[in-house]
Amino acid sequence: MSDEADRLIAAALRDHARQPAPAHLRRKLERRYGGRGRRWPVPAMSALAGAAIAALVLLVVRPPAPGPDIASEAVGDHLRVLAARGLDVEANDLHNVKPWFAGKLDFTPPITFLGDEVFQLKGGSVAVFLGHKAAAFVYGHRLHVLSLFVFESPDTAASERTIQGFHVATWGAAGFGFALVSDINWDDLRALKSRLP
């Protein structure tokens, strides 16, 4: 601002009087800083439109959130199986584990392999897998424990991963998802998988 504006402001403050600014000062300030209350809608609307476009670009360009990590969930649930003191149902013959799930789940697990001399079915439990009830079948192979989690899922991708030293195979079939996890070697894990749906 000019010296004249400073002098006028100081005089107004000294007199404690509220007087409108002189016309020439008002014009000078309007030229320098823009009109008061007259031009704000245009910049405000431009800023609002820019923010809306930026939000739309973020929604369109940003990749979708990743789906649940089935393999990591399987490892966590397998560790819970290993830490548990027992299973909900122990296998004492070939056909008592699968029927045990009736009424405990909203689906019937499509498992037909109930164990053999190589992979013995030890039992099963109801698990919470990806936030929903699932069937957990536990097999033994020599000194190793293998956990098979069966859950409703229309689109489980087939994959093989190693997480925290555990091998995990995931796949889907007939509207179900499957996750098989153990610390055995890949060949043995795949051998059990080949006996499953």
C-alpha atoms as a PDB file:
ATOM      1  CA  MET A   1       0.000   0.000   0.000  1.00  0.00           C
ATOM      2  CA  SER A   2       1.017   3.588  -0.465  1.00  0.00           C
ATOM      3  CA  ASP A   3       2.044   6.061   2.248  1.00  0.00           C
ATOM      4  CA  GLU A   4      -1.269   7.843   1.826  1.00  0.00           C
ATOM      5  CA  ALA A   5      -3.204   4.662   2.660  1.00  0.00           C
ATOM      6  CA  ASP A   6      -1.026   4.086   5.732  1.00  0.00           C
ATOM      7  CA  ARG A   7      -1.677   7.655   6.879  1.00  0.00           C
ATOM      8  CA  LEU A   8      -5.453   7.299   6.419  1.00  0.00           C
ATOM      9  CA  ILE A   9      -5.568   3.978   8.272  1.00  0.00           C
ATOM     10  CA  ALA A  10      -3.503   5.358  11.137  1.00  0.00           C
ATOM     11  CA  ALA A  11      -5.767   8.415  11.384  1.00  0.00           C
ATOM     12  CA  ALA A  12      -8.900   6.245  11.449  1.00  0.00           C
ATOM     13  CA  LEU A  13      -7.457   4.075  14.187  1.00  0.00           C
ATOM     14  CA  ARG A  14      -6.462   7.109  16.231  1.00  0.00           C
ATOM     15  CA  ASP A  15      -9.925   8.600  16.090  1.00  0.00           C
ATOM     16  CA  HIS A  16     -11.569   5.230  16.825  1.00  0.00           C
ATOM     17  CA  ALA A  17     -14.089   6.089  14.200  1.00  0.00           C
ATOM     18  CA  ARG A  18     -15.252   3.618  11.629  1.00  0.00           C
ATOM     19  CA  GLN A  19     -15.432   5.464   8.423  1.00  0.00           C
ATOM     20  CA  PRO A  20     -15.594   3.992   4.958  1.00  0.00           C
ATOM     21  CA  ALA A  21     -12.355   4.189   3.038  1.00  0.00           C
ATOM     22  CA  PRO A  22     -12.096   7.098   0.616  1.00  0.00           C
ATOM     23  CA  ALA A  23     -13.252   6.280  -2.904  1.00  0.00           C
ATOM     24  CA  HIS A  24      -9.779   6.726  -4.440  1.00  0.00           C
ATOM     25  CA  LEU A  25      -8.272   4.350  -1.838  1.00  0.00           C
ATOM     26  CA  ARG A  26     -11.021   1.782  -2.412  1.00  0.00           C
ATOM     27  CA  ARG A  27     -10.422   1.913  -6.189  1.00  0.00           C
ATOM     28  CA  LYS A  28      -6.703   1.540  -5.701  1.00  0.00           C
ATOM     29  CA  LEU A  29      -7.133  -1.493  -3.423  1.00  0.00           C
ATOM     30  CA  GLU A  30      -9.683  -3.080  -5.774  1.00  0.00           C
ATOM     31  CA  ARG A  31      -7.263  -2.742  -8.699  1.00  0.00           C
ATOM     32  CA  ARG A  32      -4.450  -4.240  -6.699  1.00  0.00           C
ATOM     33  CA  TYR A  33      -6.293  -7.081  -4.891  1.00  0.00           C
ATOM     34  CA  GLY A  34      -9.412  -7.586  -6.990  1.00  0.00           C
ATOM     35  CA  GLY A  35     -12.971  -6.531  -6.338  1.00  0.00           C
ATOM     36  CA  ARG A  36     -14.551  -7.294  -3.000  1.00  0.00           C
ATOM     37  CA  GLY A  37     -17.344  -9.865  -3.316  1.00  0.00           C
ATOM     38  CA  ARG A  38     -17.742  -9.472  -7.055  1.00  0.00           C
ATOM     39  CA  ARG A  39     -15.317 -11.947  -8.612  1.00  0.00           C
ATOM     40  CA  TRP A  40     -15.083 -14.733  -6.022  1.00  0.00           C
ATOM     41  CA  PRO A  41     -17.699 -17.040  -7.586  1.00  0.00           C
ATOM     42  CA  VAL A  42     -15.592 -17.623 -10.715  1.00  0.00           C
ATOM     43  CA  PRO A  43     -12.384 -18.671  -8.908  1.00  0.00           C
ATOM     44  CA  ALA A  44     -14.352 -20.646  -6.329  1.00  0.00           C
ATOM     45  CA  MET A  45     -16.293 -22.519  -9.002  1.00  0.00           C
ATOM     46  CA  SER A  46     -13.051 -23.204 -10.893  1.00  0.00           C
ATOM     47  CA  ALA A  47     -11.434 -24.583  -7.744  1.00  0.00           C
ATOM     48  CA  LEU A  48     -14.484 -26.728  -7.018  1.00  0.00           C
ATOM     49  CA  ALA A  49     -14.540 -28.091 -10.579  1.00  0.00           C
ATOM     50  CA  GLY A  50     -10.809 -28.842 -10.357  1.00  0.00           C
ATOM     51  CA  ALA A  51     -11.289 -30.747  -7.102  1.00  0.00           C
ATOM     52  CA  ALA A  52     -14.151 -32.748  -8.602  1.00  0.00           C
ATOM     53  CA  ILE A  53     -12.067 -33.656 -11.658  1.00  0.00           C
ATOM     54  CA  ALA A  54      -9.120 -34.669  -9.449  1.00  0.00           C
ATOM     55  CA  ALA A  55     -11.385 -36.913  -7.342  1.00  0.00           C
ATOM     56  CA  LEU A  56     -12.830 -38.501 -10.472  1.00  0.00           C
ATOM     57  CA  VAL A  57      -9.351 -39.131 -11.891  1.00  0.00           C
ATOM     58  CA  LEU A  58      -8.291 -40.803  -8.628  1.00  0.00           C
ATOM     59  CA  LEU A  59     -11.343 -43.068  -8.701  1.00  0.00           C
ATOM     60  CA  VAL A  60     -10.859 -44.037 -12.346  1.00  0.00           C
ATOM     61  CA  VAL A  61      -7.066 -44.315 -12.482  1.00  0.00           C
ATOM     62  CA  ARG A  62      -6.400 -45.857  -9.055  1.00  0.00           C
ATOM     63  CA  PRO A  63      -6.152 -49.645  -9.264  1.00  0.00           C
ATOM     64  CA  PRO A  64      -8.785 -51.616  -7.366  1.00  0.00           C
ATOM     65  CA  ALA A  65      -8.012 -52.693  -3.838  1.00  0.00           C
ATOM     66  CA  PRO A  66      -6.335 -56.086  -3.738  1.00  0.00           C
ATOM     67  CA  GLY A  67      -8.441 -59.062  -2.761  1.00  0.00           C
ATOM     68  CA  PRO A  68      -7.812 -61.091   0.340  1.00  0.00           C
ATOM     69  CA  ASP A  69      -4.491 -62.892   0.597  1.00  0.00           C
ATOM     70  CA  ILE A  70      -5.711 -66.484   0.741  1.00  0.00           C
ATOM     71  CA  ALA A  71      -2.214 -67.951   1.079  1.00  0.00           C
ATOM     72  CA  SER A  72      -1.324 -65.788   4.099  1.00  0.00           C
ATOM     73  CA  GLU A  73      -4.678 -66.586   5.710  1.00  0.00           C
ATOM     74  CA  ALA A  74      -4.021 -70.316   5.147  1.00  0.00           C
ATOM     75  CA  VAL A  75      -0.622 -70.112   6.845  1.00  0.00           C
ATOM     76  CA  GLY A  76      -2.131 -68.300   9.848  1.00  0.00           C
ATOM     77  CA  ASP A  77      -4.905 -70.866  10.154  1.00  0.00           C
ATOM     78  CA  HIS A  78      -2.438 -73.746   9.735  1.00  0.00           C
ATOM     79  CA  LEU A  79      -0.380 -72.341  12.613  1.00  0.00           C
ATOM     80  CA  ARG A  80      -3.552 -72.297  14.730  1.00  0.00           C
ATOM     81  CA  VAL A  81      -4.158 -75.954  13.814  1.00  0.00           C
ATOM     82  CA  LEU A  82      -0.604 -76.810  14.885  1.00  0.00           C
ATOM     83  CA  ALA A  83      -1.032 -74.939  18.178  1.00  0.00           C
ATOM     84  CA  ALA A  84      -4.428 -76.487  18.973  1.00  0.00           C
ATOM     85  CA  ARG A  85      -4.524 -79.323  21.501  1.00  0.00           C
ATOM     86  CA  GLY A  86      -6.933 -81.308  19.387  1.00  0.00           C
ATOM     87  CA  LEU A  87      -9.337 -81.273  16.500  1.00  0.00           C
ATOM     88  CA  ASP A  88     -13.104 -80.882  16.716  1.00  0.00           C
ATOM     89  CA  VAL A  89     -13.502 -84.387  15.295  1.00  0.00           C
ATOM     90  CA  GLU A  90     -10.851 -87.107  15.255  1.00  0.00           C
ATOM     91  CA  ALA A  91     -10.752 -89.677  12.462  1.00  0.00           C
ATOM     92  CA  ASN A  92     -11.330 -93.211  13.679  1.00  0.00           C
ATOM     93  CA  ASP A  93     -12.682 -94.587  10.427  1.00  0.00           C
ATOM     94  CA  LEU A  94     -12.825 -93.386   6.846  1.00  0.00           C
ATOM     95  CA  HIS A  95     -16.283 -91.840   6.945  1.00  0.00           C
ATOM     96  CA  ASN A  96     -16.813 -90.016  10.226  1.00  0.00           C
ATOM     97  CA  VAL A  97     -15.082 -86.672   9.493  1.00  0.00           C
ATOM     98  CA  LYS A  98     -16.973 -85.390   6.441  1.00  0.00           C
ATOM     99  CA  PRO A  99     -20.474 -86.125   7.866  1.00  0.00           C
ATOM    100  CA  TRP A 100     -19.488 -84.390  11.106  1.00  0.00           C
ATOM    101  CA  PHE A 101     -19.570 -81.022   9.256  1.00  0.00           C
ATOM    102  CA  ALA A 102     -23.307 -81.426   8.484  1.00  0.00           C
ATOM    103  CA  GLY A 103     -25.222 -78.698  10.298  1.00  0.00           C
ATOM    104  CA  LYS A 104     -22.047 -76.901  11.348  1.00  0.00           C
ATOM    105  CA  LEU A 105     -21.481 -75.214   7.973  1.00  0.00           C
ATOM    106  CA  ASP A 106     -23.790 -73.673   5.382  1.00  0.00           C
ATOM    107  CA  PHE A 107     -22.335 -76.016   2.765  1.00  0.00           C
ATOM    108  CA  THR A 108     -21.158 -79.584   2.373  1.00  0.00           C
ATOM    109  CA  PRO A 109     -17.398 -79.755   1.724  1.00  0.00           C
ATOM    110  CA  PRO A 110     -16.857 -81.490  -1.641  1.00  0.00           C
ATOM    111  CA  ILE A 111     -14.074 -83.716  -0.307  1.00  0.00           C
ATOM    112  CA  THR A 112     -14.056 -87.337  -1.405  1.00  0.00           C
ATOM    113  CA  PHE A 113     -10.486 -88.235  -0.407  1.00  0.00           C
ATOM    114  CA  LEU A 114     -10.666 -89.482   3.167  1.00  0.00           C
ATOM    115  CA  GLY A 115      -7.032 -90.548   3.443  1.00  0.00           C
ATOM    116  CA  ASP A 116      -4.827 -93.530   2.518  1.00  0.00           C
ATOM    117  CA  GLU A 117      -1.538 -95.079   3.658  1.00  0.00           C
ATOM    118  CA  VAL A 118       0.480 -92.105   2.394  1.00  0.00           C
ATOM    119  CA  PHE A 119      -1.759 -89.271   3.600  1.00  0.00           C
ATOM    120  CA  GLN A 120      -3.739 -90.236   6.693  1.00  0.00           C
ATOM    121  CA  LEU A 121      -6.805 -88.169   7.572  1.00  0.00           C
ATOM    122  CA  LYS A 122      -6.366 -87.101  11.201  1.00  0.00           C
ATOM    123  CA  GLY A 123      -9.626 -85.207  11.629  1.00  0.00           C
ATOM    124  CA  GLY A 124     -11.267 -81.860  11.054  1.00  0.00           C
ATOM    125  CA  SER A 125     -12.470 -78.622  12.569  1.00  0.00           C
ATOM    126  CA  VAL A 126     -14.691 -75.704  11.749  1.00  0.00           C
ATOM    127  CA  ALA A 127     -12.401 -72.788  10.968  1.00  0.00           C
ATOM    128  CA  VAL A 128     -12.952 -69.099  10.332  1.00  0.00           C
ATOM    129  CA  PHE A 129     -11.322 -68.439   6.989  1.00  0.00           C
ATOM    130  CA  LEU A 130     -11.418 -64.980   5.394  1.00  0.00           C
ATOM    131  CA  GLY A 131     -14.099 -64.024   7.904  1.00  0.00           C
ATOM    132  CA  HIS A 132     -16.458 -66.908   7.078  1.00  0.00           C
ATOM    133  CA  LYS A 133     -16.945 -70.432   8.366  1.00  0.00           C
ATOM    134  CA  ALA A 134     -14.858 -73.017   6.546  1.00  0.00           C
ATOM    135  CA  ALA A 135     -14.014 -76.685   6.833  1.00  0.00           C
ATOM    136  CA  ALA A 136     -10.491 -77.586   7.934  1.00  0.00           C
ATOM    137  CA  PHE A 137      -9.353 -81.122   7.117  1.00  0.00           C
ATOM    138  CA  VAL A 138      -6.083 -82.223   8.718  1.00  0.00           C
ATOM    139  CA  TYR A 139      -3.919 -84.917   7.130  1.00  0.00           C
ATOM    140  CA  GLY A 140      -0.680 -86.472   8.306  1.00  0.00           C
ATOM    141  CA  HIS A 141       2.293 -87.508   6.175  1.00  0.00           C
ATOM    142  CA  ARG A 142       5.164 -89.075   8.111  1.00  0.00           C
ATOM    143  CA  LEU A 143       5.842 -86.448  10.810  1.00  0.00           C
ATOM    144  CA  HIS A 144       4.227 -83.586   8.895  1.00  0.00           C
ATOM    145  CA  VAL A 145       0.799 -82.012   9.310  1.00  0.00           C
ATOM    146  CA  LEU A 146      -1.120 -80.797   6.262  1.00  0.00           C
ATOM    147  CA  SER A 147      -4.138 -78.499   6.569  1.00  0.00           C
ATOM    148  CA  LEU A 148      -6.772 -78.272   3.855  1.00  0.00           C
ATOM    149  CA  PHE A 149      -9.201 -75.349   4.126  1.00  0.00           C
ATOM    150  CA  VAL A 150     -12.420 -75.549   2.101  1.00  0.00           C
ATOM    151  CA  PHE A 151     -14.576 -72.434   1.793  1.00  0.00           C
ATOM    152  CA  GLU A 152     -17.283 -71.033  -0.443  1.00  0.00           C
ATOM    153  CA  SER A 153     -15.707 -68.905  -3.162  1.00  0.00           C
ATOM    154  CA  PRO A 154     -16.712 -68.525  -6.801  1.00  0.00           C
ATOM    155  CA  ASP A 155     -13.307 -67.352  -8.016  1.00  0.00           C
ATOM    156  CA  THR A 156     -10.261 -68.577  -6.110  1.00  0.00           C
ATOM    157  CA  ALA A 157      -7.183 -68.318  -8.319  1.00  0.00           C
ATOM    158  CA  ALA A 158      -4.758 -71.215  -8.602  1.00  0.00           C
ATOM    159  CA  SER A 159      -1.379 -70.360  -7.136  1.00  0.00           C
ATOM    160  CA  GLU A 160       1.596 -71.803  -5.297  1.00  0.00           C
ATOM    161  CA  ARG A 161       3.553 -69.742  -2.789  1.00  0.00           C
ATOM    162  CA  THR A 162       5.937 -70.206   0.100  1.00  0.00           C
ATOM    163  CA  ILE A 163       5.212 -68.068   3.168  1.00  0.00           C
ATOM    164  CA  GLN A 164       7.119 -68.274   6.465  1.00  0.00           C
ATOM    165  CA  GLY A 165       8.584 -71.619   5.403  1.00  0.00           C
ATOM    166  CA  PHE A 166       5.201 -73.170   4.556  1.00  0.00           C
ATOM    167  CA  HIS A 167       4.184 -74.197   1.041  1.00  0.00           C
ATOM    168  CA  VAL A 168       0.676 -73.111   0.091  1.00  0.00           C
ATOM    169  CA  ALA A 169      -1.366 -74.257  -2.901  1.00  0.00           C
ATOM    170  CA  THR A 170      -4.668 -72.512  -3.617  1.00  0.00           C
ATOM    171  CA  TRP A 171      -7.259 -73.308  -6.273  1.00  0.00           C
ATOM    172  CA  GLY A 172     -10.967 -73.203  -6.957  1.00  0.00           C
ATOM    173  CA  ALA A 173     -13.505 -75.708  -8.264  1.00  0.00           C
ATOM    174  CA  ALA A 174     -17.306 -75.880  -8.460  1.00  0.00           C
ATOM    175  CA  GLY A 175     -17.880 -72.687  -6.449  1.00  0.00           C
ATOM    176  CA  PHE A 176     -15.447 -73.615  -3.683  1.00  0.00           C
ATOM    177  CA  GLY A 177     -11.996 -72.374  -2.781  1.00  0.00           C
ATOM    178  CA  PHE A 178      -9.271 -74.652  -1.474  1.00  0.00           C
ATOM    179  CA  ALA A 179      -6.053 -73.851   0.367  1.00  0.00           C
ATOM    180  CA  LEU A 180      -3.592 -76.636   1.182  1.00  0.00           C
ATOM    181  CA  VAL A 181      -0.662 -75.753   3.435  1.00  0.00           C
ATOM    182  CA  SER A 182       2.226 -77.619   5.077  1.00  0.00           C
ATOM    183  CA  ASP A 183       5.981 -77.580   5.588  1.00  0.00           C
ATOM    184  CA  ILE A 184       6.463 -80.712   3.443  1.00  0.00           C
ATOM    185  CA  ASN A 185       8.207 -80.497   0.075  1.00  0.00           C
ATOM    186  CA  TRP A 186       6.347 -79.343  -3.014  1.00  0.00           C
ATOM    187  CA  ASP A 187       6.208 -82.819  -4.586  1.00  0.00           C
ATOM    188  CA  ASP A 188       4.403 -84.305  -1.579  1.00  0.00           C
ATOM    189  CA  LEU A 189       2.051 -81.312  -1.304  1.00  0.00           C
ATOM    190  CA  ARG A 190       1.180 -81.644  -4.988  1.00  0.00           C
ATOM    191  CA  ALA A 191       0.658 -85.395  -4.539  1.00  0.00           C
ATOM    192  CA  LEU A 192      -2.039 -84.727  -1.915  1.00  0.00           C
ATOM    193  CA  LYS A 193      -3.523 -81.946  -4.026  1.00  0.00           C
ATOM    194  CA  SER A 194      -3.894 -84.373  -6.949  1.00  0.00           C
ATOM    195  CA  ARG A 195      -6.156 -86.542  -4.754  1.00  0.00           C
ATOM    196  CA  LEU A 196      -8.464 -83.603  -3.964  1.00  0.00           C
ATOM    197  CA  PRO A 197     -11.107 -81.858  -6.145  1.00  0.00           C
END
